Amino acid sequence: MTSNYPHIAFLGIGLMGAPMTRNLLDAGFPMTLWNRTTSKCEPFAGEATIAETPADAVREADIVITMLENGDVVEDVLVGQGAMDNVKSGALVIDMSSVQPSLARRHAELAREQGAGYVDAPVSGGTVGAAEARLSIMAGGSEADIDRARPVFEAMGKCTRIGPVGAGQLAKLANQAIVGITIGAVSEALLLAAKGGADPAAVREALMGGFAGSRILELHGQRMIDRDFAPGAPSRIQLKDLRMILDEARAEGLTLPLSQQVHNEYLSLVANGHSDVDHSGLLLELEHLNGTLMGSLGRGPKE
């Protein structure tokens, strides 16, 4: 069966990488796995090869996928630890991490020098989307390279070609701007309602049926009400993404006031010790700023 399936090297078996790997294995792809902390590969040891280094992982791979925390880590794994130098001619490198568009373009050039293709394919959907193979995959690269990657992407979610290399990362930045700003808006709206005496759970339910309804209000609004801030997407990652948004805006000569404000709020949240809370935990910073907790039923009407 595996003769018709490309061999995949998957680098980065973390919160997102582990369920993505599970779906690829279930789809029948032969795989070699690498992670900085090897123990995270162990649940798959009976079904995949575990490599000791990134360079070892990619040598025989037809497709190399990276799913790492940020651009610095991707650069270290692909370049610093020699993975790119060991990618075979004719292979396809797919970076599914969220990195700067300029870094994606540089890595594409390094892949080209190896005779390999390159696609930047960041994702949206979080750990739930990864587990359910419902990721939204934003791909940048040639039509030929993305077509080649489609059977792999289909095991993890739905792929949309955005444009040339780097365009996938631009789409991800657009996604993260909307996500971060909307989390801030939902936090403010629910705190406002609760402080005035309304039940934030009832407010959320009412708003879900109207023009303010959104996936953020649905899922993260519920997290805020439940005070469930176990990370699906940690706040430090949202902060990293907002920093990239502002860097890209600066490079394009743009001023983005809402992104700047939400960046500053996440910066304070992380500085106050909440780097690993879910990004919906921005509510905690708003509560800290106001010296009040949202509560489940507000504080009663003002007297």
Protein backbone atom coordinates (compact mmCIF):
# COMPACT_ATOMS: atom_id res chain seq x y z
CA MET A 1 0.00 0.00 0.00
CA THR A 2 2.70 2.46 0.95
CA SER A 3 4.39 2.33 -2.46
CA ASN A 4 1.86 4.82 -3.80
CA TYR A 5 2.17 7.09 -0.77
CA PRO A 6 4.97 9.63 -0.42
CA HIS A 7 7.17 9.21 2.64
CA ILE A 8 6.66 12.14 5.02
CA ALA A 9 9.19 13.51 7.49
CA PHE A 10 7.31 15.47 10.17
CA LEU A 11 9.36 17.83 12.33
CA GLY A 12 7.61 19.15 15.45
CA ILE A 13 5.32 16.80 17.39
CA GLY A 14 3.71 19.34 19.72
CA LEU A 15 0.15 20.47 20.54
CA MET A 16 -0.64 20.80 16.83
CA GLY A 17 1.88 18.39 15.32
CA ALA A 18 0.76 15.34 17.32
CA PRO A 19 -2.88 15.27 16.10
CA MET A 20 -1.76 16.18 12.57
CA THR A 21 0.65 13.22 12.65
CA ARG A 22 -2.15 10.97 13.91
CA ASN A 23 -4.34 11.89 10.93
CA LEU A 24 -1.53 11.42 8.42
CA LEU A 25 -0.72 7.97 9.83
CA ASP A 26 -4.41 7.05 9.78
CA ALA A 27 -4.53 8.10 6.11
CA GLY A 28 -1.77 5.58 5.35
CA PHE A 29 1.31 7.76 4.88
CA PRO A 30 4.65 6.21 5.91
CA MET A 31 6.32 8.67 8.30
CA THR A 32 9.56 9.58 10.01
CA LEU A 33 9.16 11.84 13.05
CA TRP A 34 11.48 14.21 14.88
CA ASN A 35 10.91 16.40 17.90
CA ARG A 36 13.34 18.26 20.14
CA THR A 37 11.85 16.38 23.11
CA THR A 38 11.92 12.82 21.78
CA SER A 39 9.35 11.54 24.29
CA LYS A 40 6.60 13.37 22.37
CA CYS A 41 7.24 11.02 19.43
CA GLU A 42 6.87 7.87 21.55
CA PRO A 43 3.06 7.45 21.18
CA PHE A 44 3.72 6.86 17.46
CA ALA A 45 6.77 4.60 17.83
CA GLY A 46 4.89 1.50 16.69
CA GLU A 47 3.73 3.14 13.46
CA ALA A 48 6.50 5.54 12.43
CA THR A 49 10.28 5.81 12.43
CA ILE A 50 11.70 8.12 15.11
CA ALA A 51 14.76 10.10 14.01
CA GLU A 52 17.45 11.46 16.32
CA THR A 53 18.12 14.64 14.31
CA PRO A 54 16.22 16.75 11.78
CA ALA A 55 18.88 15.93 9.17
CA ASP A 56 18.36 12.18 9.70
CA ALA A 57 14.59 12.60 9.51
CA VAL A 58 14.52 14.23 6.08
CA ARG A 59 17.13 12.24 4.13
CA GLU A 60 14.75 9.74 2.53
CA ALA A 61 11.58 11.84 2.70
CA ASP A 62 9.53 12.77 -0.35
CA ILE A 63 7.72 15.43 1.68
CA VAL A 64 9.13 17.32 4.67
CA ILE A 65 6.63 19.04 6.98
CA THR A 66 7.65 21.46 9.73
CA MET A 67 5.19 22.43 12.50
CA LEU A 68 7.27 24.48 14.93
CA GLU A 69 6.65 27.31 17.36
CA ASN A 70 8.08 30.30 15.51
CA GLY A 71 10.37 31.48 12.75
CA ASP A 72 13.50 31.29 14.90
CA VAL A 73 12.86 27.61 15.64
CA VAL A 74 12.08 26.86 11.98
CA GLU A 75 15.31 28.57 10.94
CA ASP A 76 17.28 26.59 13.54
CA VAL A 77 15.79 23.23 12.53
CA LEU A 78 15.92 23.72 8.76
CA VAL A 79 19.19 25.63 8.51
CA GLY A 80 21.05 25.47 11.85
CA GLN A 81 20.53 21.73 12.35
CA GLY A 82 21.08 20.90 8.69
CA ALA A 83 17.69 19.62 7.61
CA MET A 84 17.58 21.70 4.43
CA ASP A 85 21.06 20.55 3.42
CA ASN A 86 19.85 16.95 3.57
CA VAL A 87 16.55 17.35 1.71
CA LYS A 88 16.77 15.21 -1.42
CA SER A 89 16.36 16.62 -4.90
CA GLY A 90 12.75 16.39 -6.01
CA ALA A 91 11.37 16.50 -2.47
CA LEU A 92 8.78 19.04 -1.30
CA VAL A 93 9.28 21.12 1.87
CA ILE A 94 6.04 22.28 3.52
CA ASP A 95 6.32 24.70 6.43
CA MET A 96 3.02 24.65 8.35
CA SER A 97 4.38 26.86 11.14
CA SER A 98 3.51 30.55 11.35
CA VAL A 99 6.60 32.54 10.30
CA GLN A 100 7.44 35.87 8.68
CA PRO A 101 6.55 35.97 4.96
CA SER A 102 10.14 37.06 4.24
CA LEU A 103 11.49 33.95 6.00
CA ALA A 104 9.19 31.72 3.95
CA ARG A 105 10.60 33.28 0.77
CA ARG A 106 14.18 32.73 1.96
CA HIS A 107 13.54 29.10 2.83
CA ALA A 108 11.89 28.59 -0.56
CA GLU A 109 15.10 29.80 -2.20
CA LEU A 110 17.19 27.41 -0.08
CA ALA A 111 14.88 24.55 -1.08
CA ARG A 112 15.20 25.52 -4.74
CA GLU A 113 19.00 25.33 -4.44
CA GLN A 114 18.54 21.72 -3.25
CA GLY A 115 16.32 20.95 -6.24
CA ALA A 116 13.29 20.78 -3.92
CA GLY A 117 9.91 22.50 -3.97
CA TYR A 118 8.55 24.65 -1.16
CA VAL A 119 5.09 25.58 0.14
CA ASP A 120 4.30 27.80 3.12
CA ALA A 121 1.07 26.44 4.58
CA PRO A 122 0.17 27.88 8.00
CA VAL A 123 -3.09 26.71 9.54
CA SER A 124 -6.07 27.95 11.49
CA GLY A 125 -8.39 25.83 13.60
CA GLY A 126 -6.32 25.18 16.71
CA THR A 127 -5.89 21.86 18.46
CA VAL A 128 -9.57 20.94 17.98
CA GLY A 129 -9.32 21.51 14.22
CA ALA A 130 -6.08 19.53 14.13
CA ALA A 131 -7.62 16.58 16.00
CA GLU A 132 -10.75 16.56 13.82
CA ALA A 133 -8.81 17.03 10.52
CA ARG A 134 -10.68 20.31 9.96
CA LEU A 135 -7.76 22.71 9.71
CA SER A 136 -7.99 25.66 7.36
CA ILE A 137 -4.71 25.47 5.44
CA MET A 138 -3.50 28.68 3.74
CA ALA A 139 -0.95 27.75 1.10
CA GLY A 140 1.62 29.87 -0.70
CA GLY A 141 3.60 28.39 -3.56
CA SER A 142 3.38 27.34 -7.19
CA GLU A 143 0.20 25.64 -8.36
CA ALA A 144 2.23 22.53 -9.18
CA ASP A 145 3.78 22.28 -5.70
CA ILE A 146 0.45 22.89 -3.96
CA ASP A 147 -1.31 20.32 -6.17
CA ARG A 148 1.38 17.84 -5.19
CA ALA A 149 0.74 18.60 -1.53
CA ARG A 150 -3.06 18.35 -1.73
CA PRO A 151 -3.40 14.63 -0.84
CA VAL A 152 -1.35 15.34 2.30
CA PHE A 153 -3.36 18.45 3.15
CA GLU A 154 -6.66 16.60 2.65
CA ALA A 155 -5.73 14.26 5.53
CA MET A 156 -5.52 17.30 7.83
CA GLY A 157 -8.16 19.75 6.59
CA LYS A 158 -9.05 22.03 3.70
CA CYS A 159 -6.40 23.82 1.64
CA THR A 160 -6.82 27.13 -0.15
CA ARG A 161 -4.07 28.39 -2.47
CA ILE A 162 -3.54 32.05 -1.55
CA GLY A 163 -0.81 32.92 -4.06
CA PRO A 164 2.97 32.63 -4.45
CA VAL A 165 5.39 31.69 -1.65
CA GLY A 166 4.82 33.92 1.38
CA ALA A 167 1.15 34.50 0.59
CA GLY A 168 0.07 31.73 2.96
CA GLN A 169 1.84 33.50 5.79
CA LEU A 170 0.15 36.80 4.86
CA ALA A 171 -3.24 35.07 5.07
CA LYS A 172 -2.30 33.68 8.48
CA LEU A 173 -1.36 37.18 9.66
CA ALA A 174 -4.75 38.42 8.47
CA ASN A 175 -6.39 35.54 10.36
CA GLN A 176 -4.47 36.29 13.56
CA ALA A 177 -5.27 40.01 13.38
CA ILE A 178 -8.99 39.19 13.25
CA VAL A 179 -8.67 36.55 15.98
CA GLY A 180 -6.71 38.74 18.39
CA ILE A 181 -8.84 41.84 17.90
CA THR A 182 -12.07 39.84 18.19
CA ILE A 183 -10.93 38.15 21.42
CA GLY A 184 -10.33 41.66 22.78
CA ALA A 185 -13.79 42.78 21.65
CA VAL A 186 -15.54 39.74 23.17
CA SER A 187 -13.65 40.22 26.46
CA GLU A 188 -14.71 43.87 26.70
CA ALA A 189 -18.32 43.17 25.71
CA LEU A 190 -18.86 40.35 28.22
CA LEU A 191 -17.13 42.23 31.05
CA LEU A 192 -19.20 45.33 30.33
CA ALA A 193 -22.43 43.33 30.40
CA ALA A 194 -21.51 41.34 33.52
CA LYS A 195 -20.36 44.39 35.48
CA GLY A 196 -23.69 46.06 34.80
CA GLY A 197 -25.59 43.09 36.17
CA ALA A 198 -26.33 40.95 33.10
CA ASP A 199 -25.58 37.24 32.94
CA PRO A 200 -22.68 36.99 30.48
CA ALA A 201 -23.76 33.46 29.46
CA ALA A 202 -27.20 34.80 28.46
CA VAL A 203 -25.59 37.77 26.68
CA ARG A 204 -23.35 35.42 24.70
CA GLU A 205 -26.34 33.25 23.76
CA ALA A 206 -28.35 36.27 22.60
CA LEU A 207 -25.48 37.73 20.58
CA MET A 208 -24.73 34.40 18.88
CA GLY A 209 -27.92 34.76 16.84
CA GLY A 210 -27.19 38.29 15.66
CA PHE A 211 -24.71 40.31 13.64
CA ALA A 212 -22.05 40.05 16.39
CA GLY A 213 -22.06 36.27 16.24
CA SER A 214 -18.66 34.69 15.52
CA ARG A 215 -16.62 31.56 16.10
CA ILE A 216 -14.65 33.55 18.70
CA LEU A 217 -17.82 34.52 20.59
CA GLU A 218 -19.06 30.93 20.37
CA LEU A 219 -15.93 29.09 21.54
CA HIS A 220 -13.80 31.65 23.38
CA GLY A 221 -16.79 33.47 24.84
CA GLN A 222 -17.74 30.15 26.46
CA ARG A 223 -14.14 29.68 27.66
CA MET A 224 -14.27 33.11 29.31
CA ILE A 225 -17.57 32.28 31.05
CA ASP A 226 -16.20 28.90 32.20
CA ARG A 227 -12.81 30.45 33.05
CA ASP A 228 -11.24 27.57 31.14
CA PHE A 229 -7.92 28.93 29.92
CA ALA A 230 -6.02 25.66 29.41
CA PRO A 231 -4.07 26.34 26.22
CA GLY A 232 -5.29 25.37 22.82
CA ALA A 233 -3.33 28.32 21.43
CA PRO A 234 -1.06 29.84 24.13
CA SER A 235 -1.05 33.61 24.61
CA ARG A 236 2.68 33.78 23.89
CA ILE A 237 1.95 32.47 20.37
CA GLN A 238 -0.79 35.06 19.83
CA LEU A 239 1.66 37.75 20.98
CA LYS A 240 4.29 36.43 18.55
CA ASP A 241 1.76 36.56 15.72
CA LEU A 242 0.70 40.12 16.59
CA ARG A 243 4.35 41.17 16.63
CA MET A 244 4.76 39.70 13.13
CA ILE A 245 1.61 41.53 11.99
CA LEU A 246 3.05 44.86 13.18
CA ASP A 247 6.46 44.09 11.64
CA GLU A 248 4.86 43.29 8.30
CA ALA A 249 2.67 46.42 8.53
CA ARG A 250 5.76 48.53 9.16
CA ALA A 251 7.50 46.97 6.16
CA GLU A 252 4.46 47.82 4.02
CA GLY A 253 4.20 51.38 5.38
CA LEU A 254 0.91 50.71 7.17
CA THR A 255 -0.39 51.76 10.60
CA LEU A 256 -2.78 49.25 12.23
CA PRO A 257 -4.12 50.85 15.44
CA LEU A 258 -6.32 47.93 16.59
CA SER A 259 -3.56 45.35 16.07
CA GLN A 260 -1.16 47.63 17.97
CA GLN A 261 -3.53 47.99 20.92
CA VAL A 262 -4.27 44.27 21.17
CA HIS A 263 -0.53 43.54 20.87
CA ASN A 264 0.08 45.79 23.88
CA GLU A 265 -2.63 44.01 25.88
CA TYR A 266 -1.15 40.56 25.12
CA LEU A 267 2.30 41.93 25.99
CA SER A 268 0.97 42.90 29.45
CA LEU A 269 -0.83 39.56 29.83
CA VAL A 270 2.39 37.65 29.15
CA ALA A 271 4.45 40.02 31.34
CA ASN A 272 2.01 39.30 34.19
CA GLY A 273 2.88 35.59 34.07
CA HIS A 274 0.20 34.27 31.72
CA SER A 275 2.30 33.26 28.71
CA ASP A 276 0.84 29.74 28.67
CA VAL A 277 -2.84 30.52 29.19
CA ASP A 278 -5.05 30.16 26.15
CA HIS A 279 -5.29 33.31 24.03
CA SER A 280 -8.91 33.64 25.16
CA GLY A 281 -7.35 34.44 28.55
CA LEU A 282 -6.90 38.04 27.37
CA LEU A 283 -9.94 38.53 29.63
CA LEU A 284 -7.53 38.14 32.58
CA GLU A 285 -5.58 41.22 31.49
CA LEU A 286 -8.79 43.22 31.08
CA GLU A 287 -9.89 42.15 34.58
CA HIS A 288 -6.47 43.09 35.94
CA LEU A 289 -6.70 46.49 34.27
CA ASN A 290 -10.12 47.12 35.82
CA GLY A 291 -9.55 45.48 39.20
CA THR A 292 -12.64 43.29 38.81
CA LEU A 293 -13.64 39.75 37.83
CA MET A 294 -16.31 39.03 35.25
CA GLY A 295 -18.01 36.32 37.31
CA SER A 296 -20.75 34.11 35.93
CA LEU A 297 -23.68 36.32 36.88
CA GLY A 298 -22.07 39.75 37.04
CA ARG A 299 -21.92 41.84 40.20
CA GLY A 300 -25.56 42.84 40.23
CA PRO A 301 -26.94 46.18 39.10
CA LYS A 302 -25.18 49.35 40.21
CA GLU A 303 -26.79 50.95 43.22
